[in-house]
C-alpha atoms as a PDB file:
ATOM      1  CA  MET A   1      99.079 115.328 107.986  1.00  0.00           C
ATOM      2  CA  ALA A   2     101.728 117.088 109.992  1.00  0.00           C
ATOM      3  CA  SER A   3     104.993 119.128 109.333  1.00  0.00           C
ATOM      4  CA  ARG A   4     107.669 120.532 111.233  1.00  0.00           C
ATOM      5  CA  SER A   5     110.584 122.909 110.478  1.00  0.00           C
ATOM      6  CA  ALA A   6     114.114 122.534 111.718  1.00  0.00           C
ATOM      7  CA  THR A   7     117.307 124.464 111.198  1.00  0.00           C
ATOM      8  CA  ILE A   8     120.344 122.109 110.388  1.00  0.00           C
ATOM      9  CA  ALA A   9     123.076 122.437 113.255  1.00  0.00           C
ATOM     10  CA  SER A  10     125.779 120.040 112.150  1.00  0.00           C
ATOM     11  CA  GLY A  11     128.796 121.995 111.013  1.00  0.00           C
ATOM     12  CA  HIS A  12     129.088 120.264 107.849  1.00  0.00           C
ATOM     13  CA  GLY A  13     125.319 120.117 107.014  1.00  0.00           C
ATOM     14  CA  LEU A  14     123.552 116.767 106.373  1.00  0.00           C
ATOM     15  CA  HIS A  15     126.457 115.094 104.802  1.00  0.00           C
ATOM     16  CA  ALA A  16     127.047 111.289 104.591  1.00  0.00           C
ATOM     17  CA  ARG A  17     127.309 110.114 108.169  1.00  0.00           C
ATOM     18  CA  PRO A  18     124.383 112.335 109.689  1.00  0.00           C
ATOM     19  CA  ALA A  19     122.263 111.891 106.577  1.00  0.00           C
ATOM     20  CA  ALA A  20     122.808 108.281 106.831  1.00  0.00           C
ATOM     21  CA  LEU A  21     121.678 108.259 110.608  1.00  0.00           C
ATOM     22  CA  PHE A  22     118.718 110.664 109.867  1.00  0.00           C
ATOM     23  CA  VAL A  23     117.510 108.193 106.957  1.00  0.00           C
ATOM     24  CA  GLN A  24     117.804 105.207 109.148  1.00  0.00           C
ATOM     25  CA  SER A  25     115.823 106.823 111.788  1.00  0.00           C
ATOM     26  CA  VAL A  26     113.065 107.820 109.367  1.00  0.00           C
ATOM     27  CA  ASN A  27     113.043 104.204 108.015  1.00  0.00           C
ATOM     28  CA  ASP A  28     112.804 102.835 111.452  1.00  0.00           C
ATOM     29  CA  SER A  29     109.609 105.003 111.975  1.00  0.00           C
ATOM     30  CA  GLY A  30     107.750 103.313 109.440  1.00  0.00           C
ATOM     31  CA  LEU A  31     106.122 106.413 108.048  1.00  0.00           C
ATOM     32  CA  SER A  32     106.397 107.925 104.574  1.00  0.00           C
ATOM     33  CA  ILE A  33     108.182 111.231 105.406  1.00  0.00           C
ATOM     34  CA  THR A  34     109.206 114.167 102.877  1.00  0.00           C
ATOM     35  CA  ILE A  35     111.934 116.536 103.439  1.00  0.00           C
ATOM     36  CA  GLU A  36     111.924 119.724 101.647  1.00  0.00           C
ATOM     37  CA  LYS A  37     114.490 122.541 101.269  1.00  0.00           C
ATOM     38  CA  GLU A  38     113.943 125.740  99.237  1.00  0.00           C
ATOM     39  CA  GLY A  39     110.961 124.310  97.396  1.00  0.00           C
ATOM     40  CA  ARG A  40     112.739 121.137  96.563  1.00  0.00           C
ATOM     41  CA  GLU A  41     111.504 117.846  98.002  1.00  0.00           C
ATOM     42  CA  ALA A  42     112.757 114.288  98.361  1.00  0.00           C
ATOM     43  CA  PRO A  43     111.673 111.223 100.307  1.00  0.00           C
ATOM     44  CA  ALA A  44     113.423 111.376 103.771  1.00  0.00           C
ATOM     45  CA  GLY A  45     113.972 107.658 103.738  1.00  0.00           C
ATOM     46  CA  SER A  46     116.233 107.884 100.694  1.00  0.00           C
ATOM     47  CA  ILE A  47     119.970 108.586 101.360  1.00  0.00           C
ATOM     48  CA  LEU A  48     120.380 109.973  97.697  1.00  0.00           C
ATOM     49  CA  GLY A  49     117.131 111.975  98.151  1.00  0.00           C
ATOM     50  CA  VAL A  50     118.515 113.620 101.169  1.00  0.00           C
ATOM     51  CA  ILE A  51     121.985 114.089 100.008  1.00  0.00           C
ATOM     52  CA  SER A  52     120.862 115.467  96.495  1.00  0.00           C
ATOM     53  CA  LEU A  53     119.309 118.366  98.495  1.00  0.00           C
ATOM     54  CA  ALA A  54     122.714 119.694  99.536  1.00  0.00           C
ATOM     55  CA  ILE A  55     121.538 120.644 103.041  1.00  0.00           C
ATOM     56  CA  ASN A  56     124.085 122.757 104.852  1.00  0.00           C
ATOM     57  CA  GLN A  57     124.547 124.162 108.359  1.00  0.00           C
ATOM     58  CA  GLY A  58     121.897 127.025 108.899  1.00  0.00           C
ATOM     59  CA  ASP A  59     119.563 125.777 106.177  1.00  0.00           C
ATOM     60  CA  VAL A  60     115.765 125.443 107.267  1.00  0.00           C
ATOM     61  CA  VAL A  61     114.241 122.245 106.128  1.00  0.00           C
ATOM     62  CA  THR A  62     110.614 121.020 106.685  1.00  0.00           C
ATOM     63  CA  LEU A  63     109.588 117.573 107.289  1.00  0.00           C
ATOM     64  CA  THR A  64     106.149 116.518 106.358  1.00  0.00           C
ATOM     65  CA  ALA A  65     104.444 113.183 107.295  1.00  0.00           C
ATOM     66  CA  ASP A  66     101.059 111.369 107.794  1.00  0.00           C
ATOM     67  CA  GLY A  67     100.311 108.405 109.959  1.00  0.00           C
ATOM     68  CA  GLU A  68     100.400 106.999 113.516  1.00  0.00           C
ATOM     69  CA  ASN A  69     102.474 108.869 116.105  1.00  0.00           C
ATOM     70  CA  VAL A  70     103.473 111.169 113.282  1.00  0.00           C
ATOM     71  CA  GLU A  71     103.978 114.105 115.935  1.00  0.00           C
ATOM     72  CA  SER A  72     106.290 112.258 118.157  1.00  0.00           C
ATOM     73  CA  VAL A  73     108.264 111.008 115.233  1.00  0.00           C
ATOM     74  CA  LEU A  74     108.596 114.456 113.538  1.00  0.00           C
ATOM     75  CA  ASP A  75     109.598 115.998 116.988  1.00  0.00           C
ATOM     76  CA  SER A  76     112.395 113.453 117.321  1.00  0.00           C
ATOM     77  CA  LEU A  77     113.717 113.905 113.784  1.00  0.00           C
ATOM     78  CA  VAL A  78     113.752 117.662 114.412  1.00  0.00           C
ATOM     79  CA  THR A  79     115.711 117.134 117.499  1.00  0.00           C
ATOM     80  CA  PHE A  80     118.128 114.918 115.609  1.00  0.00           C
ATOM     81  CA  LEU A  81     118.567 117.687 112.727  1.00  0.00           C
ATOM     82  CA  GLU A  82     118.921 120.583 115.348  1.00  0.00           C
ATOM     83  CA  THR A  83     121.870 118.602 117.094  1.00  0.00           C
ATOM     84  CA  ASP A  84     125.322 119.061 115.873  1.00  0.00           C
ATOM     85  CA  HIS A  85     126.539 115.687 115.035  1.00  0.00           C
ATOM     86  CA  ASP A  86     129.939 116.821 113.619  1.00  0.00           C
ATOM     87  CA  ALA A  87     130.835 117.907 117.447  1.00  0.00           C
ATOM     88  CA  GLU A  88     130.416 114.582 118.814  1.00  0.00           C
END
């Protein structure tokens, strides 16, 4: 099992558009990934689960997963979360 922490960079947090892109990336990986904020966990492949965590800019989240290529998948997801998608 591997985990990575990320600080959310998007100005409006992980709202609908970046959350949808994040969830799509998680689902494309084929891994079962959990996202955690302040002790609350949700499946990272669920848009409702991710949005329910009310993740804002500057929040630190932890991604946890197990499986093949888990290190590279988590690294790419952290890069996604640490990019300001509202500035694009």
